[in-house]
Amino acid sequence: MRHALLSPMIWQCRTRLIDVSERGMIMGILNTTPDSFSDGGIHDSCERALAHAMTMIAEGAEIIDIGGESTRPGAPAVSLDEELHRVIPVVEGLRNRWQGLISIDTSKASVARQAIAVGADIVNDVSGLQADHAMVDVCRDSGCGVIVMHMQGTPRTMQQSPHYDDVVRQVREFFHERFETLTNFGLLPQQLCFDPGIGFGKTVEHNWSLLENLAHLMIHDRPLLLGVSRKSFIASRLGHNDLSQRSWPTIALTSYGRERGACIHRVHEVKANFEAMRMTEALLPKACHSH
């Protein structure tokens, strides 16, 4: 458990330093894709996307995560030009309206570079900065926040036959490897945030094991992000596979994850998750909100 005498958990996001020691953050999901698994096509015009972003901000989101390529299992790849067309106007438009934190959800260095140029603060890379080697340079040179996610395989192949000897140990080892490699390449430790990649190359059992052991996944006093919103593994405990019925279970997992140290929660429905997170924090000992 963290102690009041220890230094705060600081996350560097380009032009600002964020203290997430005791106050977690909600990251609102803004997909500009036609085929995302739960909201594909809803926000695929710039104006609709921006309107939804402002709604999420009003409900408590302090980070808006903008993505132009679906990472659902089996999703096809998107060209660089198409991804830029989908996300850059939204990043630029949101920056003109709002001074909060903007995240670009991409594994392409060119997309990240252009998004940062028009105002993005964070790069959220599902490949853990491995798909495009130029991504390391973009993140180092910009000083942006960096979300390093674990994924076995690629979005096209990840759910075909995921296998681990010990999923918790192996994800933790991946985080250590990424931390050492990226800081050796010049990224600052304060830039890094880690995401266990729930649903990315994991079976239902793997996902639950990671959730049960979140505290063991925290390394080097770095923030942990949890992204479980509406994901299919939730159905294994509900007895049905109705996507529309996954909102309240997501809220329960947000509260659970916050109590166990996850500081950032990536969700579709902001208001209820924001309120659940704040209520959980109200019950946690001061200066001990991260395990």
Protein backbone atom coordinates (compact mmCIF):
# COMPACT_ATOMS: atom_id res chain seq x y z
CA MET A 1 0.00 0.00 0.00
CA ARG A 2 1.12 3.54 -0.66
CA HIS A 3 2.01 5.69 2.34
CA ALA A 4 1.61 9.41 2.90
CA LEU A 5 5.39 9.85 3.15
CA LEU A 6 5.98 8.41 -0.31
CA SER A 7 6.14 10.68 -3.32
CA PRO A 8 2.85 11.15 -5.17
CA MET A 9 2.07 9.13 -8.28
CA ILE A 10 2.67 11.66 -11.06
CA TRP A 11 1.79 11.09 -14.71
CA GLN A 12 3.40 13.40 -17.24
CA CYS A 13 1.05 14.22 -20.13
CA ARG A 14 2.96 16.51 -22.48
CA THR A 15 2.41 19.98 -21.03
CA ARG A 16 1.13 19.02 -17.59
CA LEU A 17 1.78 16.77 -14.63
CA ILE A 18 -1.19 14.85 -13.22
CA ASP A 19 -1.26 13.54 -9.64
CA VAL A 20 -3.31 10.33 -9.60
CA SER A 21 -2.23 9.23 -6.13
CA GLU A 22 -5.62 9.72 -4.50
CA ARG A 23 -7.95 10.92 -7.26
CA GLY A 24 -8.59 8.64 -10.20
CA MET A 25 -9.68 9.74 -13.66
CA ILE A 26 -12.36 8.64 -16.08
CA MET A 27 -11.32 8.30 -19.72
CA GLY A 28 -14.28 8.60 -22.06
CA ILE A 29 -14.18 6.40 -25.17
CA LEU A 30 -14.73 8.25 -28.45
CA ASN A 31 -14.68 5.85 -31.40
CA THR A 32 -14.76 7.47 -34.84
CA THR A 33 -14.97 4.07 -36.53
CA PRO A 34 -17.85 2.42 -38.39
CA ASP A 35 -17.17 -1.00 -36.84
CA SER A 36 -16.22 -0.74 -33.15
CA PHE A 37 -17.76 -3.56 -31.15
CA SER A 38 -20.35 -1.61 -29.14
CA ASP A 39 -20.72 1.83 -30.70
CA GLY A 40 -19.46 1.54 -34.26
CA GLY A 41 -20.78 4.22 -36.59
CA ILE A 42 -22.52 6.30 -33.93
CA HIS A 43 -19.85 9.01 -33.82
CA ASP A 44 -18.36 8.66 -37.31
CA SER A 45 -18.82 12.30 -38.28
CA CYS A 46 -16.72 15.05 -36.73
CA GLU A 47 -19.68 17.02 -35.38
CA ARG A 48 -21.36 13.98 -33.83
CA ALA A 49 -18.06 12.91 -32.30
CA LEU A 50 -17.44 16.35 -30.81
CA ALA A 51 -20.97 16.57 -29.43
CA HIS A 52 -20.53 13.22 -27.72
CA ALA A 53 -17.13 14.26 -26.36
CA MET A 54 -18.65 17.37 -24.78
CA THR A 55 -21.41 15.26 -23.22
CA MET A 56 -18.83 12.93 -21.66
CA ILE A 57 -16.85 15.90 -20.36
CA ALA A 58 -19.98 17.35 -18.76
CA GLU A 59 -20.53 13.98 -17.06
CA GLY A 60 -17.05 13.90 -15.51
CA ALA A 61 -14.58 12.61 -18.09
CA GLU A 62 -11.15 14.21 -17.65
CA ILE A 63 -9.59 12.36 -20.59
CA ILE A 64 -11.18 11.80 -24.00
CA ASP A 65 -9.66 8.85 -25.90
CA ILE A 66 -10.13 9.26 -29.66
CA GLY A 67 -9.68 6.21 -31.87
CA GLY A 68 -10.07 5.71 -35.61
CA GLU A 69 -9.28 2.00 -35.97
CA SER A 70 -11.35 -0.72 -34.34
CA THR A 71 -9.38 -3.15 -32.18
CA ARG A 72 -12.25 -5.59 -31.69
CA PRO A 73 -11.27 -9.25 -32.31
CA GLY A 74 -10.87 -9.90 -36.01
CA ALA A 75 -11.16 -6.24 -37.02
CA PRO A 76 -9.57 -5.40 -40.37
CA ALA A 77 -6.64 -3.02 -40.59
CA VAL A 78 -7.26 0.62 -41.51
CA SER A 79 -4.99 2.58 -43.85
CA LEU A 80 -2.94 5.47 -42.53
CA ASP A 81 -4.83 8.00 -44.64
CA GLU A 82 -8.22 6.72 -43.50
CA GLU A 83 -7.23 6.76 -39.83
CA LEU A 84 -5.88 10.31 -40.14
CA HIS A 85 -9.09 11.39 -41.88
CA ARG A 86 -11.16 9.96 -39.03
CA VAL A 87 -9.27 11.30 -36.03
CA ILE A 88 -7.27 14.46 -36.75
CA PRO A 89 -10.28 16.78 -37.30
CA VAL A 90 -11.82 15.45 -34.07
CA VAL A 91 -8.64 15.99 -32.04
CA GLU A 92 -8.22 19.49 -33.44
CA GLY A 93 -11.89 20.35 -32.97
CA LEU A 94 -11.94 19.11 -29.40
CA ARG A 95 -8.76 21.01 -28.53
CA ASN A 96 -10.38 24.20 -29.81
CA ARG A 97 -13.33 23.64 -27.47
CA TRP A 98 -11.68 22.19 -24.35
CA GLN A 99 -8.42 22.36 -22.45
CA GLY A 100 -8.58 18.93 -20.78
CA LEU A 101 -6.60 15.81 -21.64
CA ILE A 102 -6.93 14.33 -25.12
CA SER A 103 -5.69 10.83 -25.86
CA ILE A 104 -5.08 9.39 -29.31
CA ASP A 105 -5.78 5.66 -29.51
CA THR A 106 -3.41 4.46 -32.24
CA SER A 107 -0.48 2.19 -32.97
CA LYS A 108 0.72 4.29 -35.92
CA ALA A 109 3.49 6.80 -35.22
CA SER A 110 2.34 9.12 -38.01
CA VAL A 111 -1.16 9.31 -36.53
CA ALA A 112 0.24 9.97 -33.07
CA ARG A 113 2.61 12.66 -34.35
CA GLN A 114 -0.10 14.55 -36.20
CA ALA A 115 -2.58 14.19 -33.34
CA ILE A 116 -0.03 15.60 -30.88
CA ALA A 117 0.67 18.47 -33.29
CA VAL A 118 -2.98 19.54 -33.12
CA GLY A 119 -3.35 19.09 -29.38
CA ALA A 120 -3.29 15.47 -28.14
CA ASP A 121 -1.63 14.94 -24.75
CA ILE A 122 -1.52 11.13 -24.51
CA VAL A 123 -0.76 8.21 -26.83
CA ASN A 124 -2.77 5.07 -26.07
CA ASP A 125 -1.07 2.24 -27.98
CA VAL A 126 -2.60 -1.25 -27.79
CA SER A 127 0.67 -2.71 -29.11
CA GLY A 128 2.71 -1.34 -26.22
CA LEU A 129 4.79 0.77 -28.67
CA GLN A 130 5.84 -2.35 -30.57
CA ALA A 131 3.85 -2.17 -33.82
CA ASP A 132 5.62 0.93 -35.15
CA HIS A 133 9.16 1.50 -33.92
CA ALA A 134 8.94 5.22 -34.74
CA MET A 135 6.31 5.52 -31.99
CA VAL A 136 9.05 5.57 -29.35
CA ASP A 137 10.61 8.65 -30.96
CA VAL A 138 7.24 10.42 -31.18
CA CYS A 139 6.50 9.81 -27.51
CA ARG A 140 9.99 10.69 -26.31
CA ASP A 141 10.26 13.88 -28.33
CA SER A 142 6.79 15.16 -27.39
CA GLY A 143 6.88 14.27 -23.69
CA CYS A 144 3.31 12.97 -24.01
CA GLY A 145 1.65 10.57 -21.63
CA VAL A 146 2.01 6.99 -22.84
CA ILE A 147 -0.38 4.11 -22.17
CA VAL A 148 1.45 0.83 -22.68
CA MET A 149 -1.03 -2.00 -23.14
CA HIS A 150 -0.41 -5.74 -23.09
CA MET A 151 -1.81 -7.74 -25.99
CA GLN A 152 -0.98 -11.29 -27.08
CA GLY A 153 -0.99 -11.32 -30.89
CA THR A 154 -2.78 -8.62 -32.90
CA PRO A 155 -6.42 -7.52 -32.99
CA ARG A 156 -6.81 -9.73 -36.06
CA THR A 157 -5.47 -12.88 -34.31
CA MET A 158 -5.54 -12.25 -30.57
CA GLN A 159 -8.60 -14.33 -29.68
CA GLN A 160 -7.81 -17.37 -31.83
CA SER A 161 -6.04 -19.39 -29.12
CA PRO A 162 -4.59 -17.23 -26.31
CA HIS A 163 -2.34 -19.21 -23.98
CA TYR A 164 -0.28 -18.35 -20.89
CA ASP A 165 1.55 -20.43 -18.32
CA ASP A 166 0.74 -17.75 -15.74
CA VAL A 167 -1.10 -14.75 -17.15
CA VAL A 168 -0.54 -12.46 -14.15
CA ARG A 169 3.19 -13.17 -14.02
CA GLN A 170 3.61 -12.82 -17.78
CA VAL A 171 1.73 -9.52 -18.02
CA ARG A 172 3.76 -8.16 -15.11
CA GLU A 173 6.98 -9.30 -16.81
CA PHE A 174 5.87 -7.56 -20.01
CA PHE A 175 5.33 -4.33 -18.06
CA HIS A 176 8.82 -4.60 -16.57
CA GLU A 177 10.35 -5.27 -19.99
CA ARG A 178 8.52 -2.31 -21.55
CA PHE A 179 9.49 -0.02 -18.68
CA GLU A 180 13.18 -0.91 -19.00
CA THR A 181 13.21 -0.77 -22.81
CA LEU A 182 11.30 2.49 -23.14
CA THR A 183 13.21 4.33 -20.43
CA ASN A 184 16.48 3.11 -21.98
CA PHE A 185 15.29 4.70 -25.23
CA GLY A 186 14.81 8.01 -23.44
CA LEU A 187 11.20 8.08 -22.30
CA LEU A 188 10.76 9.38 -18.77
CA PRO A 189 9.32 6.98 -16.20
CA GLN A 190 6.71 9.64 -15.39
CA GLN A 191 5.32 9.40 -18.93
CA LEU A 192 4.33 5.76 -18.58
CA CYS A 193 0.98 4.25 -17.62
CA PHE A 194 0.24 0.52 -17.95
CA ASP A 195 -2.87 -1.35 -19.11
CA PRO A 196 -3.22 -5.15 -18.70
CA GLY A 197 -5.30 -5.30 -21.88
CA ILE A 198 -8.43 -7.03 -20.63
CA GLY A 199 -9.92 -8.90 -23.59
CA PHE A 200 -6.83 -8.49 -25.78
CA GLY A 201 -5.45 -11.97 -26.36
CA LYS A 202 -7.00 -13.41 -23.19
CA THR A 203 -9.61 -16.01 -22.43
CA VAL A 204 -12.44 -15.28 -20.00
CA GLU A 205 -10.43 -17.00 -17.25
CA HIS A 206 -7.33 -14.92 -18.06
CA ASN A 207 -9.37 -11.72 -17.76
CA TRP A 208 -10.77 -12.64 -14.35
CA SER A 209 -7.32 -13.67 -13.09
CA LEU A 210 -5.92 -10.28 -14.06
CA LEU A 211 -8.78 -8.46 -12.35
CA GLU A 212 -8.33 -10.50 -9.19
CA ASN A 213 -4.63 -9.60 -9.13
CA LEU A 214 -4.56 -5.95 -10.18
CA ALA A 215 -2.35 -4.97 -7.24
CA HIS A 216 0.34 -7.39 -8.49
CA LEU A 217 0.42 -5.66 -11.87
CA MET A 218 1.54 -2.26 -10.57
CA ILE A 219 5.25 -1.61 -11.20
CA HIS A 220 7.65 1.24 -10.41
CA ASP A 221 4.82 3.29 -8.88
CA ARG A 222 3.28 3.84 -12.31
CA PRO A 223 -0.46 4.37 -12.89
CA LEU A 224 -2.59 1.43 -13.96
CA LEU A 225 -5.41 1.84 -16.49
CA LEU A 226 -8.38 -0.50 -16.56
CA GLY A 227 -10.51 -0.94 -19.68
CA VAL A 228 -13.39 -3.37 -19.16
CA SER A 229 -16.34 -1.35 -20.47
CA ARG A 230 -19.01 -3.57 -22.11
CA LYS A 231 -16.48 -6.32 -22.88
CA SER A 232 -17.67 -9.81 -23.67
CA PHE A 233 -16.03 -11.55 -20.69
CA ILE A 234 -18.66 -9.85 -18.50
CA ALA A 235 -21.27 -12.15 -20.03
CA SER A 236 -19.62 -15.17 -18.41
CA ARG A 237 -20.94 -14.03 -15.02
CA LEU A 238 -24.34 -12.77 -16.17
CA GLY A 239 -25.79 -15.83 -17.85
CA HIS A 240 -26.64 -13.96 -21.05
CA ASN A 241 -24.82 -12.18 -23.85
CA ASP A 242 -26.95 -9.03 -24.14
CA LEU A 243 -24.56 -6.15 -24.86
CA SER A 244 -27.12 -3.62 -23.65
CA GLN A 245 -27.05 -5.19 -20.18
CA ARG A 246 -23.31 -4.73 -19.52
CA SER A 247 -23.39 -1.15 -18.25
CA TRP A 248 -24.06 -1.85 -14.57
CA PRO A 249 -21.55 -4.71 -14.40
CA THR A 250 -18.99 -2.31 -15.89
CA ILE A 251 -19.75 0.19 -13.10
CA ALA A 252 -19.24 -2.54 -10.49
CA LEU A 253 -15.86 -3.40 -12.00
CA THR A 254 -14.86 0.29 -12.03
CA SER A 255 -15.49 0.50 -8.29
CA TYR A 256 -13.70 -2.81 -7.69
CA GLY A 257 -10.73 -1.79 -9.83
CA ARG A 258 -10.38 1.62 -8.18
CA GLU A 259 -10.32 0.05 -4.73
CA ARG A 260 -7.49 -2.20 -5.93
CA GLY A 261 -5.37 0.60 -7.30
CA ALA A 262 -6.41 1.22 -10.91
CA CYS A 263 -6.26 5.00 -11.30
CA ILE A 264 -7.66 5.48 -14.80
CA HIS A 265 -10.85 3.86 -16.07
CA ARG A 266 -11.66 3.78 -19.78
CA VAL A 267 -15.44 3.63 -20.21
CA HIS A 268 -18.33 4.30 -22.58
CA GLU A 269 -20.86 5.60 -20.03
CA VAL A 270 -19.13 8.29 -18.02
CA LYS A 271 -21.52 9.61 -15.38
CA ALA A 272 -22.30 6.41 -13.47
CA ASN A 273 -18.69 5.17 -13.61
CA PHE A 274 -17.41 8.57 -12.48
CA GLU A 275 -19.78 8.59 -9.51
CA ALA A 276 -18.96 4.99 -8.58
CA MET A 277 -15.24 5.79 -8.66
CA ARG A 278 -15.67 8.90 -6.47
CA MET A 279 -17.80 7.01 -3.93
CA THR A 280 -15.18 4.28 -3.75
CA GLU A 281 -12.45 6.86 -3.20
CA ALA A 282 -14.45 8.46 -0.39
CA LEU A 283 -14.21 5.16 1.50
CA LEU A 284 -10.50 4.62 0.96
CA PRO A 285 -7.85 5.75 3.46
CA LYS A 286 -6.26 9.04 2.47
CA ALA A 287 -2.88 8.69 0.76
CA CYS A 288 -3.49 4.95 0.42
CA HIS A 289 -5.71 4.95 -2.64
CA SER A 290 -3.30 2.91 -4.72
CA HIS A 291 -2.18 -0.53 -3.62
